[in-house]
């Protein structure tokens, strides 16, 4: 891996792409530390330090994790990349429901550009909603419950509208950064931004665990993290390669086809998306209760009692069970939407491809569906265990925000592997070009 980076830095074109990506990531991290206008940054910092590792901080752990800690500090990039991720997931799911989206997906590059445009519009709308909810919670003193310091220096309507606009603009800039890294940098820009946010929290989380739990617990957490990383690398690289043979065919005076290849089906075909779905659903009940004012009642109602008992503390067995079940469900749901065995079978039949021993057409689709279901079962269990594993070792909100296990490690390892593959593929392409010359 190190040799690939050294070779990439020696190549002028790749070196320029890497420097562009690093520069945009640095700008993103800078914006994550700049406070929004009208926010008392000193009080916010005091509240975050006071509630570090508490249950209330854990409620917003998913968004705070993806924003690199910018959410709880109400910075310019507090919303981060979450609106675009959510919009991408929604648009991808709507391709199954809306025929127009399905047609655009089949139109190739032009259709994909139109889908990306719709995703941007939806991301901005979601950023407005999310920023409004966060600012409303901050104005009520419910964003960081248990902190007596006022977060907003001015709680007038005009001041809050300005903060919402600034956060929305920050989310749009972050989305633009991600697209620039994808077009002119190396790898998937959105994934690299999430990677940088999680990696930036490594020293702080490590110091917090060391100071609060001691050296022995910190060493155990590091060992467990290394074991998780090893397991994630092993499973993420795991594939079921289905052999595909292409028959020979005459086109004019030339013979085409006759080659052998394979169709790779990953064990973790859904990636990190099911974890985002499950975390978002568990996050919604408490958010709705806060926005409607239910959580501020002196006598909690039945809904508040259920949320406080089962859906806030990540170490609660009921929370862990619901979280695990939701992840397993969304793995099958997302794989069924994104991978259509019938379409793959039709594409193979169209170009003269077939699986040895399987008839083209419907039998091929049934075989692909059978294989996909068999590898999705261990993949969903693996993803659920990886996501819920930290909840068994740490307590309270620290379990949800720990970057030494679970979804954070899965994101770090997946993005690192994907980036290395991107660099190696571009290096290989340039080596082939030089060899042919």
Protein backbone atom coordinates (compact mmCIF):
# COMPACT_ATOMS: atom_id res chain seq x y z
CA UNK A 1 0.00 0.00 0.00
CA UNK A 2 2.82 2.39 0.88
CA UNK A 3 4.58 1.59 -2.39
CA UNK A 4 1.39 2.51 -4.27
CA UNK A 5 1.27 5.91 -2.57
CA UNK A 6 4.98 6.52 -3.25
CA UNK A 7 4.51 5.66 -6.92
CA UNK A 8 1.43 7.87 -7.07
CA UNK A 9 3.35 10.85 -5.63
CA UNK A 10 6.01 10.36 -8.28
CA UNK A 11 3.40 10.58 -11.05
CA UNK A 12 2.59 14.27 -11.78
CA UNK A 13 -1.07 13.72 -12.68
CA UNK A 14 -1.81 11.53 -9.65
CA UNK A 15 0.19 13.81 -7.38
CA UNK A 16 -1.97 16.74 -8.46
CA UNK A 17 -5.15 14.77 -7.76
CA UNK A 18 -3.95 13.73 -4.31
CA UNK A 19 -2.97 17.32 -3.42
CA UNK A 20 -6.39 18.61 -4.58
CA UNK A 21 -8.16 16.02 -2.43
CA UNK A 22 -5.99 16.83 0.60
CA UNK A 23 -6.54 20.57 0.15
CA UNK A 24 -10.33 20.21 -0.01
CA UNK A 25 -10.32 17.92 3.03
CA UNK A 26 -8.28 20.53 4.92
CA UNK A 27 -10.82 23.23 3.99
CA UNK A 28 -13.63 20.96 5.16
CA UNK A 29 -11.98 20.41 8.53
CA UNK A 30 -11.36 24.16 8.83
CA UNK A 31 -15.03 24.92 8.22
CA UNK A 32 -15.99 22.31 10.84
CA UNK A 33 -14.26 24.44 13.50
CA UNK A 34 -15.64 27.86 12.47
CA UNK A 35 -18.68 28.73 14.66
CA UNK A 36 -21.89 29.95 13.04
CA UNK A 37 -22.84 33.62 13.60
CA UNK A 38 -25.00 34.15 16.66
CA UNK A 39 -23.64 31.10 18.49
CA UNK A 40 -21.83 31.53 21.81
CA UNK A 41 -18.88 29.29 21.01
CA UNK A 42 -17.45 29.48 24.55
CA UNK A 43 -20.68 28.21 26.12
CA UNK A 44 -21.05 25.53 23.45
CA UNK A 45 -17.54 24.26 24.11
CA UNK A 46 -18.17 24.23 27.86
CA UNK A 47 -21.41 22.28 27.37
CA UNK A 48 -19.79 19.74 25.05
CA UNK A 49 -16.96 19.17 27.53
CA UNK A 50 -19.47 18.89 30.39
CA UNK A 51 -21.66 16.34 28.59
CA UNK A 52 -18.86 14.44 26.85
CA UNK A 53 -19.75 10.75 26.92
CA UNK A 54 -23.19 11.41 28.35
CA UNK A 55 -26.47 9.98 27.13
CA UNK A 56 -27.65 13.21 25.56
CA UNK A 57 -24.52 13.50 23.45
CA UNK A 58 -25.09 9.94 22.27
CA UNK A 59 -28.53 10.75 20.85
CA UNK A 60 -26.97 12.74 18.01
CA UNK A 61 -23.97 10.44 17.67
CA UNK A 62 -24.58 9.41 14.05
CA UNK A 63 -24.77 12.92 12.60
CA UNK A 64 -22.08 14.17 14.96
CA UNK A 65 -19.86 11.27 13.90
CA UNK A 66 -20.27 11.99 10.19
CA UNK A 67 -19.70 15.72 10.72
CA UNK A 68 -16.48 15.12 12.63
CA UNK A 69 -17.86 16.60 15.86
CA UNK A 70 -19.09 19.79 14.13
CA UNK A 71 -22.78 19.20 14.96
CA UNK A 72 -22.58 19.60 18.71
CA UNK A 73 -20.38 22.68 18.22
CA UNK A 74 -22.90 24.32 15.84
CA UNK A 75 -20.17 25.24 13.37
CA UNK A 76 -20.63 26.39 9.77
CA UNK A 77 -20.39 22.77 8.56
CA UNK A 78 -22.49 21.41 11.45
CA UNK A 79 -24.90 19.60 9.11
CA UNK A 80 -22.02 18.06 7.21
CA UNK A 81 -22.58 15.48 4.52
CA UNK A 82 -25.65 13.79 6.03
CA UNK A 83 -28.28 15.64 3.90
CA UNK A 84 -26.58 14.53 0.69
CA UNK A 85 -26.23 10.94 1.92
CA UNK A 86 -29.89 10.84 2.90
CA UNK A 87 -30.95 12.42 -0.40
CA UNK A 88 -28.87 9.91 -2.37
CA UNK A 89 -30.48 7.02 -0.52
CA UNK A 90 -34.00 8.41 -1.06
CA UNK A 91 -33.45 9.01 -4.78
CA UNK A 92 -31.97 5.55 -5.17
CA UNK A 93 -34.97 4.00 -3.46
CA UNK A 94 -37.41 6.05 -5.53
CA UNK A 95 -36.03 4.55 -8.75
CA UNK A 96 -38.06 1.44 -7.90
CA UNK A 97 -41.25 3.41 -7.23
CA UNK A 98 -41.16 6.23 -9.81
CA UNK A 99 -40.99 5.06 -13.46
CA UNK A 100 -39.39 8.37 -14.54
CA UNK A 101 -36.41 7.76 -12.27
CA UNK A 102 -36.09 4.22 -13.60
CA UNK A 103 -35.96 5.57 -17.15
CA UNK A 104 -33.31 8.12 -16.19
CA UNK A 105 -31.19 5.41 -14.62
CA UNK A 106 -31.22 3.45 -17.87
CA UNK A 107 -30.31 6.48 -20.02
CA UNK A 108 -26.65 6.32 -19.05
CA UNK A 109 -24.55 9.38 -18.33
CA UNK A 110 -27.20 11.95 -19.27
CA UNK A 111 -29.79 10.30 -17.05
CA UNK A 112 -27.29 10.02 -14.21
CA UNK A 113 -26.57 13.75 -14.44
CA UNK A 114 -30.28 14.48 -14.12
CA UNK A 115 -30.56 12.17 -11.12
CA UNK A 116 -27.60 13.94 -9.50
CA UNK A 117 -29.36 17.27 -10.02
CA UNK A 118 -32.49 15.99 -8.28
CA UNK A 119 -30.31 14.67 -5.46
CA UNK A 120 -28.75 18.10 -4.96
CA UNK A 121 -32.13 19.82 -4.73
CA UNK A 122 -33.39 17.26 -2.23
CA UNK A 123 -30.17 17.54 -0.21
CA UNK A 124 -30.59 21.32 0.14
CA UNK A 125 -34.21 20.87 1.25
CA UNK A 126 -33.17 18.27 3.84
CA UNK A 127 -30.37 20.57 5.02
CA UNK A 128 -32.91 23.35 5.64
CA UNK A 129 -35.13 20.98 7.66
CA UNK A 130 -32.25 19.55 9.63
CA UNK A 131 -30.71 22.95 10.38
CA UNK A 132 -34.10 24.30 11.47
CA UNK A 133 -34.60 21.39 13.86
CA UNK A 134 -31.13 21.72 15.38
CA UNK A 135 -31.42 25.50 15.83
CA UNK A 136 -34.89 25.10 17.36
CA UNK A 137 -33.54 22.55 19.84
CA UNK A 138 -30.60 24.83 20.66
CA UNK A 139 -32.95 27.79 21.26
CA UNK A 140 -35.05 25.67 23.67
CA UNK A 141 -31.97 24.39 25.47
CA UNK A 142 -32.74 20.80 24.40
CA UNK A 143 -29.82 20.18 22.04
CA UNK A 144 -27.47 19.51 24.96
CA UNK A 145 -29.82 18.72 27.83
CA UNK A 146 -28.34 19.12 31.26
CA UNK A 147 -26.26 22.16 30.30
CA UNK A 148 -27.36 25.42 31.89
CA UNK A 149 -25.31 27.69 29.63
CA UNK A 150 -27.22 29.43 26.77
CA UNK A 151 -25.97 28.19 23.40
CA UNK A 152 -27.35 31.01 21.24
CA UNK A 153 -26.16 34.54 21.93
CA UNK A 154 -29.35 35.90 20.31
CA UNK A 155 -32.53 33.81 20.20
CA UNK A 156 -34.55 36.20 18.04
CA UNK A 157 -36.27 34.92 14.90
CA UNK A 158 -33.93 36.86 12.61
CA UNK A 159 -30.80 35.50 14.32
CA UNK A 160 -32.06 31.92 14.11
CA UNK A 161 -32.96 32.33 10.42
CA UNK A 162 -29.41 33.56 9.78
CA UNK A 163 -27.95 30.50 11.53
CA UNK A 164 -30.20 28.17 9.51
CA UNK A 165 -29.14 29.84 6.25
CA UNK A 166 -25.46 29.64 7.19
CA UNK A 167 -25.70 25.95 8.08
CA UNK A 168 -27.63 25.20 4.88
CA UNK A 169 -25.03 27.04 2.81
CA UNK A 170 -22.34 25.08 4.65
CA UNK A 171 -24.03 21.81 3.75
CA UNK A 172 -24.15 22.92 0.08
CA UNK A 173 -20.43 23.79 0.18
CA UNK A 174 -19.61 20.42 1.71
CA UNK A 175 -21.59 18.73 -1.06
CA UNK A 176 -19.61 20.75 -3.62
CA UNK A 177 -16.32 19.74 -1.96
CA UNK A 178 -17.30 16.10 -2.24
CA UNK A 179 -18.14 16.40 -5.93
CA UNK A 180 -14.85 18.22 -6.61
CA UNK A 181 -12.87 15.45 -4.91
CA UNK A 182 -14.74 12.86 -6.96
CA UNK A 183 -14.14 14.68 -10.26
CA UNK A 184 -10.60 16.03 -9.76
CA UNK A 185 -9.27 14.04 -6.84
CA UNK A 186 -8.96 10.38 -5.94
CA UNK A 187 -11.89 8.17 -5.04
CA UNK A 188 -15.35 8.96 -3.74
CA UNK A 189 -15.33 12.50 -2.34
CA UNK A 190 -18.26 12.04 0.03
CA UNK A 191 -16.66 8.98 1.59
CA UNK A 192 -13.33 10.77 2.02
CA UNK A 193 -15.04 13.66 3.82
CA UNK A 194 -16.72 11.24 6.23
CA UNK A 195 -13.38 9.47 6.65
CA UNK A 196 -11.63 12.73 7.54
CA UNK A 197 -14.31 13.64 10.08
CA UNK A 198 -14.03 10.30 11.87
CA UNK A 199 -10.23 10.25 11.71
CA UNK A 200 -10.10 13.77 13.19
CA UNK A 201 -11.94 12.49 16.27
CA UNK A 202 -9.45 9.67 16.93
CA UNK A 203 -7.07 11.61 19.26
CA UNK A 204 -9.91 13.20 21.27
CA UNK A 205 -11.80 9.93 21.74
CA UNK A 206 -8.60 8.11 22.69
CA UNK A 207 -7.67 10.75 25.27
CA UNK A 208 -11.23 10.70 26.72
CA UNK A 209 -11.17 6.93 27.19
CA UNK A 210 -7.64 7.05 28.64
CA UNK A 211 -8.48 9.76 31.15
CA UNK A 212 -11.89 8.43 32.20
CA UNK A 213 -11.28 4.65 32.15
CA UNK A 214 -7.54 4.27 32.70
CA UNK A 215 -4.71 2.70 30.76
CA UNK A 216 -5.92 -0.90 31.04
CA UNK A 217 -9.31 -0.18 29.51
CA UNK A 218 -7.68 1.95 26.82
CA UNK A 219 -5.31 -0.91 25.92
CA UNK A 220 -8.22 -3.36 25.79
CA UNK A 221 -10.19 -0.98 23.55
CA UNK A 222 -7.18 -0.67 21.20
CA UNK A 223 -6.79 -4.46 21.01
CA UNK A 224 -10.51 -4.91 20.34
CA UNK A 225 -10.32 -2.20 17.66
CA UNK A 226 -7.44 -4.02 15.94
CA UNK A 227 -9.40 -7.28 16.00
CA UNK A 228 -12.45 -5.52 14.54
CA UNK A 229 -10.32 -3.89 11.83
CA UNK A 230 -8.85 -7.27 10.88
CA UNK A 231 -12.31 -8.83 10.69
CA UNK A 232 -13.72 -5.91 8.69
CA UNK A 233 -10.86 -6.09 6.16
CA UNK A 234 -11.36 -9.84 5.80
CA UNK A 235 -15.13 -9.63 5.26
CA UNK A 236 -15.08 -6.48 3.10
CA UNK A 237 -12.66 -8.18 0.72
CA UNK A 238 -14.78 -11.33 0.65
CA UNK A 239 -16.58 -12.07 -2.61
CA UNK A 240 -18.52 -14.87 -4.22
CA UNK A 241 -17.22 -14.96 -7.79
CA UNK A 242 -19.77 -16.48 -10.14
CA UNK A 243 -18.08 -17.64 -13.38
CA UNK A 244 -19.53 -16.19 -16.58
CA UNK A 245 -18.71 -17.51 -20.06
CA UNK A 246 -19.35 -15.48 -23.22
CA UNK A 247 -20.10 -17.41 -26.41
CA UNK A 248 -18.31 -16.66 -29.65
CA UNK A 249 -20.23 -14.67 -32.26
CA UNK A 250 -19.50 -13.35 -35.74
CA UNK A 251 -19.83 -9.59 -36.37
CA UNK A 252 -18.96 -8.93 -40.00
CA UNK A 253 -15.72 -10.78 -40.63
CA UNK A 254 -14.55 -10.71 -37.04
CA UNK A 255 -15.08 -13.18 -34.25
CA UNK A 256 -16.05 -11.71 -30.85
CA UNK A 257 -16.63 -13.31 -27.48
CA UNK A 258 -15.37 -16.61 -26.22
CA UNK A 259 -13.91 -15.01 -23.08
CA UNK A 260 -14.34 -16.05 -19.46
CA UNK A 261 -14.94 -13.68 -16.58
CA UNK A 262 -16.80 -13.65 -13.28
CA UNK A 263 -19.58 -11.73 -11.56
CA UNK A 264 -18.41 -10.60 -8.08
CA UNK A 265 -21.01 -10.61 -5.30
CA UNK A 266 -19.68 -9.06 -2.10
CA UNK A 267 -20.51 -10.53 1.29
CA UNK A 268 -21.37 -7.04 2.51
CA UNK A 269 -23.26 -6.00 -0.61
CA UNK A 270 -25.15 -3.17 1.14
CA UNK A 271 -22.15 -1.40 2.68
CA UNK A 272 -22.79 1.08 5.50
CA UNK A 273 -26.24 2.17 4.27
CA UNK A 274 -28.28 -0.19 6.55
CA UNK A 275 -26.46 1.19 9.61
CA UNK A 276 -27.43 4.74 8.58
CA UNK A 277 -31.06 3.67 8.08
CA UNK A 278 -31.26 1.90 11.45
CA UNK A 279 -29.54 4.71 13.36
CA UNK A 280 -31.78 7.32 11.78
CA UNK A 281 -34.94 5.44 12.75
CA UNK A 282 -33.77 5.08 16.35
CA UNK A 283 -32.87 8.77 16.41
CA UNK A 284 -36.25 9.99 15.11
CA UNK A 285 -38.54 9.23 18.12
CA UNK A 286 -36.48 11.31 20.54
CA UNK A 287 -36.09 14.12 17.99
CA UNK A 288 -39.85 14.23 17.39
CA UNK A 289 -40.47 14.31 21.12
CA UNK A 290 -38.06 17.21 21.56
CA UNK A 291 -39.46 19.22 18.66
CA UNK A 292 -43.04 18.75 19.87
CA UNK A 293 -42.08 19.64 23.44
CA UNK A 294 -43.05 16.26 24.85
CA UNK A 295 -39.69 15.75 26.52
CA UNK A 296 -39.98 18.99 28.48
CA UNK A 297 -43.11 17.90 30.36
CA UNK A 298 -42.89 17.69 34.12
CA UNK A 299 -44.79 14.41 34.17
CA UNK A 300 -43.50 12.28 31.27
CA UNK A 301 -46.20 10.61 29.20
CA UNK A 302 -46.11 6.99 28.07
CA UNK A 303 -44.30 7.86 24.82
CA UNK A 304 -41.57 9.76 26.63
CA UNK A 305 -41.12 6.96 29.16
CA UNK A 306 -40.68 4.39 26.37
CA UNK A 307 -38.19 6.61 24.52
CA UNK A 308 -36.20 7.41 27.67
CA UNK A 309 -36.10 3.78 28.76
CA UNK A 310 -35.42 1.93 25.53
CA UNK A 311 -34.42 4.30 22.71
CA UNK A 312 -31.87 6.66 24.28
CA UNK A 313 -29.41 4.49 26.20
CA UNK A 314 -27.38 2.51 23.61
CA UNK A 315 -26.30 0.03 26.30
CA UNK A 316 -29.90 -1.07 26.94
CA UNK A 317 -30.51 -4.66 25.71
CA UNK A 318 -33.78 -3.62 24.06
CA UNK A 319 -31.98 -0.82 22.17
CA UNK A 320 -29.27 -3.24 21.02
CA UNK A 321 -31.83 -5.84 19.91
CA UNK A 322 -33.90 -3.31 17.95
CA UNK A 323 -30.77 -1.81 16.40
CA UNK A 324 -29.50 -5.26 15.32
CA UNK A 325 -32.89 -6.30 13.91
CA UNK A 326 -33.24 -3.07 11.93
CA UNK A 327 -29.78 -3.48 10.42
CA UNK A 328 -30.50 -7.05 9.32
CA UNK A 329 -33.84 -5.98 7.82
CA UNK A 330 -32.38 -3.03 5.93
CA UNK A 331 -29.52 -5.14 4.56
CA UNK A 332 -32.01 -7.42 2.79
CA UNK A 333 -34.19 -4.46 1.83
CA UNK A 334 -31.35 -2.43 0.32
CA UNK A 335 -29.78 -5.39 -1.51
CA UNK A 336 -33.16 -6.30 -3.01
CA UNK A 337 -33.52 -2.76 -4.34
CA UNK A 338 -29.99 -2.15 -5.64
CA UNK A 339 -29.28 -5.59 -7.16
CA UNK A 340 -31.87 -6.94 -9.58
CA UNK A 341 -31.05 -10.53 -10.61
CA UNK A 342 -33.49 -10.40 -13.53
CA UNK A 343 -31.77 -7.34 -15.03
CA UNK A 344 -28.35 -8.94 -14.65
CA UNK A 345 -29.60 -12.13 -16.27
CA UNK A 346 -31.10 -10.17 -19.18
CA UNK A 347 -27.87 -8.22 -19.67
CA UNK A 348 -25.84 -11.42 -19.74
CA UNK A 349 -28.25 -13.02 -22.21
CA UNK A 350 -28.18 -9.90 -24.40
CA UNK A 351 -24.39 -10.05 -24.80
CA UNK A 352 -24.17 -13.80 -25.12
CA UNK A 353 -23.07 -14.54 -21.57
CA UNK A 354 -24.11 -17.50 -19.46
CA UNK A 355 -23.19 -19.23 -16.23
CA UNK A 356 -21.77 -22.72 -16.91
CA UNK A 357 -24.41 -25.31 -16.08
CA UNK A 358 -27.24 -22.73 -15.85
CA UNK A 359 -29.59 -21.93 -18.69
CA UNK A 360 -29.79 -18.24 -19.71
CA UNK A 361 -32.81 -16.15 -18.80
CA UNK A 362 -35.05 -16.98 -15.85
CA UNK A 363 -32.94 -19.91 -14.50
CA UNK A 364 -29.94 -17.59 -14.34
CA UNK A 365 -31.97 -14.96 -12.44
CA UNK A 366 -33.18 -17.60 -9.97
CA UNK A 367 -29.64 -18.86 -9.46
CA UNK A 368 -28.29 -15.33 -8.85
CA UNK A 369 -31.11 -14.66 -6.39
CA UNK A 370 -30.38 -17.92 -4.55
CA UNK A 371 -26.66 -17.16 -4.25
CA UNK A 372 -27.30 -13.55 -3.24
CA UNK A 373 -29.69 -14.57 -0.45
CA UNK A 374 -27.21 -17.11 0.91
CA UNK A 375 -24.33 -14.62 1.16
CA UNK A 376 -26.58 -11.80 2.41
CA UNK A 377 -27.49 -13.76 5.56
CA UNK A 378 -23.93 -13.87 6.97
CA UNK A 379 -23.32 -10.36 5.59
CA UNK A 380 -26.27 -8.93 7.52
CA UNK A 381 -25.27 -10.71 10.73
CA UNK A 382 -21.71 -9.44 10.34
CA UNK A 383 -22.88 -5.87 9.81
CA UNK A 384 -25.23 -6.02 12.79
CA UNK A 385 -22.54 -7.42 15.07
CA UNK A 386 -19.95 -4.85 13.96
CA UNK A 387 -22.39 -1.96 14.50
CA UNK A 388 -23.60 -3.13 17.94
CA UNK A 389 -20.30 -4.48 19.28
CA UNK A 390 -19.18 -1.23 21.02
CA UNK A 391 -22.48 -1.11 22.94
CA UNK A 392 -21.35 -4.12 24.98
CA UNK A 393 -18.05 -2.59 26.13
CA UNK A 394 -18.77 1.04 26.96
CA UNK A 395 -21.76 2.61 28.66
CA UNK A 396 -24.18 5.40 27.85
CA UNK A 397 -23.75 7.73 24.94
CA UNK A 398 -20.06 6.93 24.66
CA UNK A 399 -20.97 3.61 23.07
CA UNK A 400 -22.69 5.28 20.17
CA UNK A 401 -19.97 7.83 19.52
CA UNK A 402 -16.93 5.62 20.04
CA UNK A 403 -14.74 5.59 16.95
CA UNK A 404 -12.85 2.49 18.07
CA UNK A 405 -15.53 0.09 16.92
CA UNK A 406 -18.75 -0.38 15.03
CA UNK A 407 -19.85 1.75 12.13
CA UNK A 408 -16.89 4.14 12.45
CA UNK A 409 -14.31 1.38 11.95
CA UNK A 410 -16.38 -0.03 9.09
CA UNK A 411 -16.37 3.37 7.34
CA UNK A 412 -12.65 3.96 7.96
CA UNK A 413 -11.59 0.56 6.64
CA UNK A 414 -13.98 0.56 3.66
CA UNK A 415 -12.96 4.05 2.50
CA UNK A 416 -9.26 3.29 2.98
CA UNK A 417 -9.50 0.09 0.93
CA UNK A 418 -11.52 1.81 -1.80
CA UNK A 419 -9.05 4.72 -2.02
CA UNK A 420 -6.07 2.37 -2.29
CA UNK A 421 -7.84 0.44 -5.05
CA UNK A 422 -8.56 3.68 -6.93
CA UNK A 423 -4.91 4.73 -6.76
CA UNK A 424 -3.65 1.31 -7.79
CA UNK A 425 -6.05 1.15 -10.75
CA UNK A 426 -4.92 4.56 -11.99
CA UNK A 427 -1.28 3.57 -11.57
CA UNK A 428 -1.90 0.36 -13.50
CA UNK A 429 -3.62 2.31 -16.27
CA UNK A 430 -0.64 4.62 -16.64
CA UNK A 431 1.81 1.73 -16.60
CA UNK A 432 -0.11 0.01 -19.37
CA UNK A 433 -0.14 3.22 -21.40
CA UNK A 434 3.62 3.58 -21.04
CA UNK A 435 4.17 -0.06 -21.96
CA UNK A 436 2.03 0.17 -25.11
CA UNK A 437 3.95 3.25 -26.24
